[in-house]
Amino acid sequence: MPLKERDSGAKFCPLCRQANHCAVLAGRGIEDCWCAQQTFPPLADAVKPVDAGACICEACLRRLRQEAASGYKRLD
């Protein structure tokens, strides 16, 4: 896949397809990205596999944390 096409797809959360606001894709360093200091729950049981190059958004991270804490998991 051409780099430009891949980058345009990487700008969107693979779970909800909303903008993920990735600082790296905006040309800034990873240390500037909202996700750099976050802890992500394991996605091993996710029904929808997430590409290693894809960044989920803050809203989906919050939902994943809530689901992990409550024992529920996404079905999308």
N, C-alpha and C. Protein backbone atom coordinates (compact mmCIF):
# COMPACT_ATOMS: atom_id res chain seq x y z
N MET A 1 0.85 -1.18 0.00
CA MET A 1 0.00 0.00 0.00
C MET A 1 0.89 1.23 0.00
N PRO A 2 0.60 2.22 -0.84
CA PRO A 2 1.40 3.44 -0.87
C PRO A 2 1.37 4.15 0.49
N LEU A 3 2.49 4.79 0.84
CA LEU A 3 2.63 5.47 2.13
C LEU A 3 1.52 6.48 2.37
N LYS A 4 1.20 7.28 1.36
CA LYS A 4 0.16 8.31 1.53
C LYS A 4 -1.19 7.68 1.88
N GLU A 5 -1.53 6.59 1.20
CA GLU A 5 -2.80 5.90 1.47
C GLU A 5 -2.80 5.29 2.87
N ARG A 6 -1.68 4.69 3.26
CA ARG A 6 -1.57 4.10 4.59
C ARG A 6 -1.69 5.17 5.67
N ASP A 7 -0.99 6.30 5.48
CA ASP A 7 -1.04 7.39 6.46
C ASP A 7 -2.44 7.95 6.61
N SER A 8 -3.17 8.06 5.50
CA SER A 8 -4.52 8.61 5.59
C SER A 8 -5.42 7.67 6.39
N GLY A 9 -5.26 6.36 6.24
CA GLY A 9 -6.03 5.39 7.02
C GLY A 9 -5.61 5.37 8.47
N ALA A 10 -4.34 5.66 8.74
CA ALA A 10 -3.82 5.63 10.10
C ALA A 10 -4.32 6.80 10.94
N LYS A 11 -4.92 7.79 10.32
CA LYS A 11 -5.42 8.96 11.04
C LYS A 11 -6.74 8.68 11.75
N PHE A 12 -7.30 7.50 11.51
CA PHE A 12 -8.61 7.18 12.06
C PHE A 12 -8.54 5.96 12.96
N CYS A 13 -9.30 6.01 14.02
CA CYS A 13 -9.37 4.90 14.97
C CYS A 13 -9.93 3.67 14.26
N PRO A 14 -9.27 2.51 14.38
CA PRO A 14 -9.78 1.31 13.71
C PRO A 14 -11.05 0.76 14.35
N LEU A 15 -11.39 1.22 15.55
CA LEU A 15 -12.60 0.73 16.22
C LEU A 15 -13.83 1.55 15.89
N CYS A 16 -13.71 2.89 15.92
CA CYS A 16 -14.88 3.75 15.69
C CYS A 16 -14.79 4.57 14.40
N ARG A 17 -13.62 4.57 13.76
CA ARG A 17 -13.37 5.30 12.50
C ARG A 17 -13.41 6.82 12.66
N GLN A 18 -13.29 7.32 13.90
CA GLN A 18 -13.18 8.76 14.14
C GLN A 18 -11.70 9.14 14.15
N ALA A 19 -11.39 10.42 14.03
CA ALA A 19 -10.00 10.88 14.05
C ALA A 19 -9.35 10.48 15.37
N ASN A 20 -8.09 10.00 15.30
CA ASN A 20 -7.41 9.58 16.53
C ASN A 20 -6.43 10.63 17.05
N HIS A 21 -6.25 11.72 16.33
CA HIS A 21 -5.41 12.84 16.76
C HIS A 21 -3.97 12.42 17.08
N CYS A 22 -3.39 11.63 16.20
CA CYS A 22 -2.03 11.13 16.38
C CYS A 22 -1.01 12.24 16.10
N ALA A 23 -0.19 12.56 17.10
CA ALA A 23 0.82 13.61 16.95
C ALA A 23 1.90 13.19 15.95
N VAL A 24 2.23 11.91 15.92
CA VAL A 24 3.28 11.42 15.01
C VAL A 24 2.86 11.63 13.56
N LEU A 25 1.61 11.32 13.25
CA LEU A 25 1.12 11.53 11.88
C LEU A 25 1.03 13.01 11.53
N ALA A 26 0.95 13.86 12.55
CA ALA A 26 0.92 15.31 12.33
C ALA A 26 2.33 15.88 12.24
N GLY A 27 3.35 15.00 12.30
CA GLY A 27 4.72 15.46 12.14
C GLY A 27 5.44 15.80 13.43
N ARG A 28 4.80 15.52 14.57
CA ARG A 28 5.45 15.78 15.86
C ARG A 28 6.01 14.47 16.41
N GLY A 29 6.72 14.54 17.50
CA GLY A 29 7.32 13.36 18.09
C GLY A 29 6.32 12.55 18.91
N ILE A 30 6.64 11.28 19.13
CA ILE A 30 5.76 10.41 19.91
C ILE A 30 5.55 10.96 21.32
N GLU A 31 6.55 11.66 21.85
CA GLU A 31 6.41 12.21 23.20
C GLU A 31 5.32 13.28 23.27
N ASP A 32 4.93 13.84 22.12
CA ASP A 32 3.86 14.85 22.07
C ASP A 32 2.47 14.23 21.89
N CYS A 33 2.43 12.94 21.63
CA CYS A 33 1.14 12.30 21.36
C CYS A 33 0.39 12.01 22.65
N TRP A 34 -0.92 12.15 22.61
CA TRP A 34 -1.76 11.93 23.78
C TRP A 34 -1.58 10.52 24.33
N CYS A 35 -1.23 9.57 23.48
CA CYS A 35 -1.16 8.18 23.92
C CYS A 35 0.15 7.79 24.59
N ALA A 36 1.15 8.66 24.51
CA ALA A 36 2.49 8.30 24.98
C ALA A 36 2.54 7.94 26.46
N GLN A 37 1.71 8.54 27.26
CA GLN A 37 1.72 8.28 28.70
C GLN A 37 0.54 7.41 29.16
N GLN A 38 -0.15 6.81 28.21
CA GLN A 38 -1.33 6.01 28.54
C GLN A 38 -0.98 4.54 28.72
N THR A 39 -1.80 3.85 29.48
CA THR A 39 -1.70 2.40 29.61
C THR A 39 -2.91 1.81 28.91
N PHE A 40 -2.65 0.90 28.00
CA PHE A 40 -3.73 0.30 27.23
C PHE A 40 -4.05 -1.09 27.77
N PRO A 41 -5.34 -1.40 27.93
CA PRO A 41 -5.69 -2.75 28.38
C PRO A 41 -5.37 -3.75 27.26
N PRO A 42 -5.15 -5.00 27.60
CA PRO A 42 -4.86 -5.99 26.56
C PRO A 42 -6.04 -6.12 25.59
N LEU A 43 -5.72 -6.23 24.32
CA LEU A 43 -6.76 -6.39 23.29
C LEU A 43 -6.81 -7.82 22.79
N ALA A 44 -6.21 -8.75 23.52
CA ALA A 44 -6.12 -10.14 23.07
C ALA A 44 -7.49 -10.75 22.82
N ASP A 45 -8.50 -10.32 23.56
CA ASP A 45 -9.84 -10.89 23.39
C ASP A 45 -10.73 -10.06 22.47
N ALA A 46 -10.15 -9.06 21.84
CA ALA A 46 -10.95 -8.19 20.97
C ALA A 46 -11.51 -8.99 19.80
N VAL A 47 -12.76 -8.76 19.49
CA VAL A 47 -13.39 -9.44 18.36
C VAL A 47 -12.83 -8.90 17.05
N LYS A 48 -12.56 -7.60 17.01
CA LYS A 48 -12.04 -6.96 15.80
C LYS A 48 -10.54 -6.73 15.99
N PRO A 49 -9.69 -7.47 15.26
CA PRO A 49 -8.24 -7.28 15.43
C PRO A 49 -7.81 -5.88 15.02
N VAL A 50 -6.84 -5.33 15.74
CA VAL A 50 -6.33 -3.99 15.47
C VAL A 50 -4.95 -4.12 14.84
N ASP A 51 -4.75 -3.48 13.69
CA ASP A 51 -3.47 -3.46 13.00
C ASP A 51 -2.43 -2.79 13.89
N ALA A 52 -1.23 -3.33 13.91
CA ALA A 52 -0.17 -2.79 14.76
C ALA A 52 0.16 -1.33 14.43
N GLY A 53 -0.11 -0.89 13.20
CA GLY A 53 0.17 0.48 12.80
C GLY A 53 -0.99 1.43 13.03
N ALA A 54 -2.07 0.93 13.60
CA ALA A 54 -3.26 1.75 13.82
C ALA A 54 -3.30 2.26 15.25
N CYS A 55 -3.79 3.47 15.41
CA CYS A 55 -3.91 4.08 16.74
C CYS A 55 -5.38 4.24 17.09
N ILE A 56 -5.77 3.71 18.24
CA ILE A 56 -7.15 3.93 18.65
C ILE A 56 -7.26 5.34 19.25
N CYS A 57 -8.47 5.85 19.32
CA CYS A 57 -8.70 7.21 19.83
C CYS A 57 -8.89 7.20 21.34
N GLU A 58 -8.88 8.38 21.93
CA GLU A 58 -9.04 8.51 23.39
C GLU A 58 -10.39 7.97 23.86
N ALA A 59 -11.45 8.22 23.09
CA ALA A 59 -12.78 7.76 23.48
C ALA A 59 -12.83 6.23 23.52
N CYS A 60 -12.24 5.58 22.53
CA CYS A 60 -12.24 4.11 22.53
C CYS A 60 -11.34 3.57 23.63
N LEU A 61 -10.24 4.25 23.93
CA LEU A 61 -9.40 3.82 25.04
C LEU A 61 -10.18 3.87 26.35
N ARG A 62 -10.95 4.95 26.56
CA ARG A 62 -11.77 5.05 27.76
C ARG A 62 -12.77 3.89 27.84
N ARG A 63 -13.43 3.60 26.70
CA ARG A 63 -14.40 2.50 26.67
C ARG A 63 -13.72 1.16 26.94
N LEU A 64 -12.54 0.94 26.35
CA LEU A 64 -11.82 -0.31 26.58
C LEU A 64 -11.44 -0.47 28.05
N ARG A 65 -11.02 0.64 28.67
CA ARG A 65 -10.68 0.59 30.10
C ARG A 65 -11.92 0.26 30.94
N GLN A 66 -13.05 0.90 30.62
CA GLN A 66 -14.29 0.64 31.35
C GLN A 66 -14.70 -0.82 31.19
N GLU A 67 -14.61 -1.32 29.95
CA GLU A 67 -14.98 -2.70 29.68
C GLU A 67 -14.06 -3.67 30.41
N ALA A 68 -12.76 -3.37 30.43
CA ALA A 68 -11.80 -4.24 31.11
C ALA A 68 -12.08 -4.25 32.61
N ALA A 69 -12.42 -3.09 33.16
CA ALA A 69 -12.69 -3.00 34.60
C ALA A 69 -13.98 -3.71 34.99
N SER A 70 -14.95 -3.71 34.07
CA SER A 70 -16.24 -4.31 34.39
C SER A 70 -16.37 -5.76 33.93
N GLY A 71 -15.40 -6.22 33.13
CA GLY A 71 -15.45 -7.59 32.65
C GLY A 71 -16.19 -7.76 31.33
N TYR A 72 -16.66 -6.65 30.74
CA TYR A 72 -17.34 -6.71 29.44
C TYR A 72 -16.32 -6.54 28.33
N LYS A 73 -16.70 -6.93 27.11
CA LYS A 73 -15.84 -6.66 25.97
C LYS A 73 -16.68 -6.22 24.79
N ARG A 74 -16.02 -5.47 23.89
CA ARG A 74 -16.69 -4.94 22.70
C ARG A 74 -17.10 -6.07 21.77
N LEU A 75 -18.19 -5.87 21.08
CA LEU A 75 -18.64 -6.85 20.09
C LEU A 75 -18.61 -6.30 18.68
N ASP A 76 -17.94 -5.18 18.49
CA ASP A 76 -17.86 -4.62 17.14
C ASP A 76 -16.56 -5.07 16.56
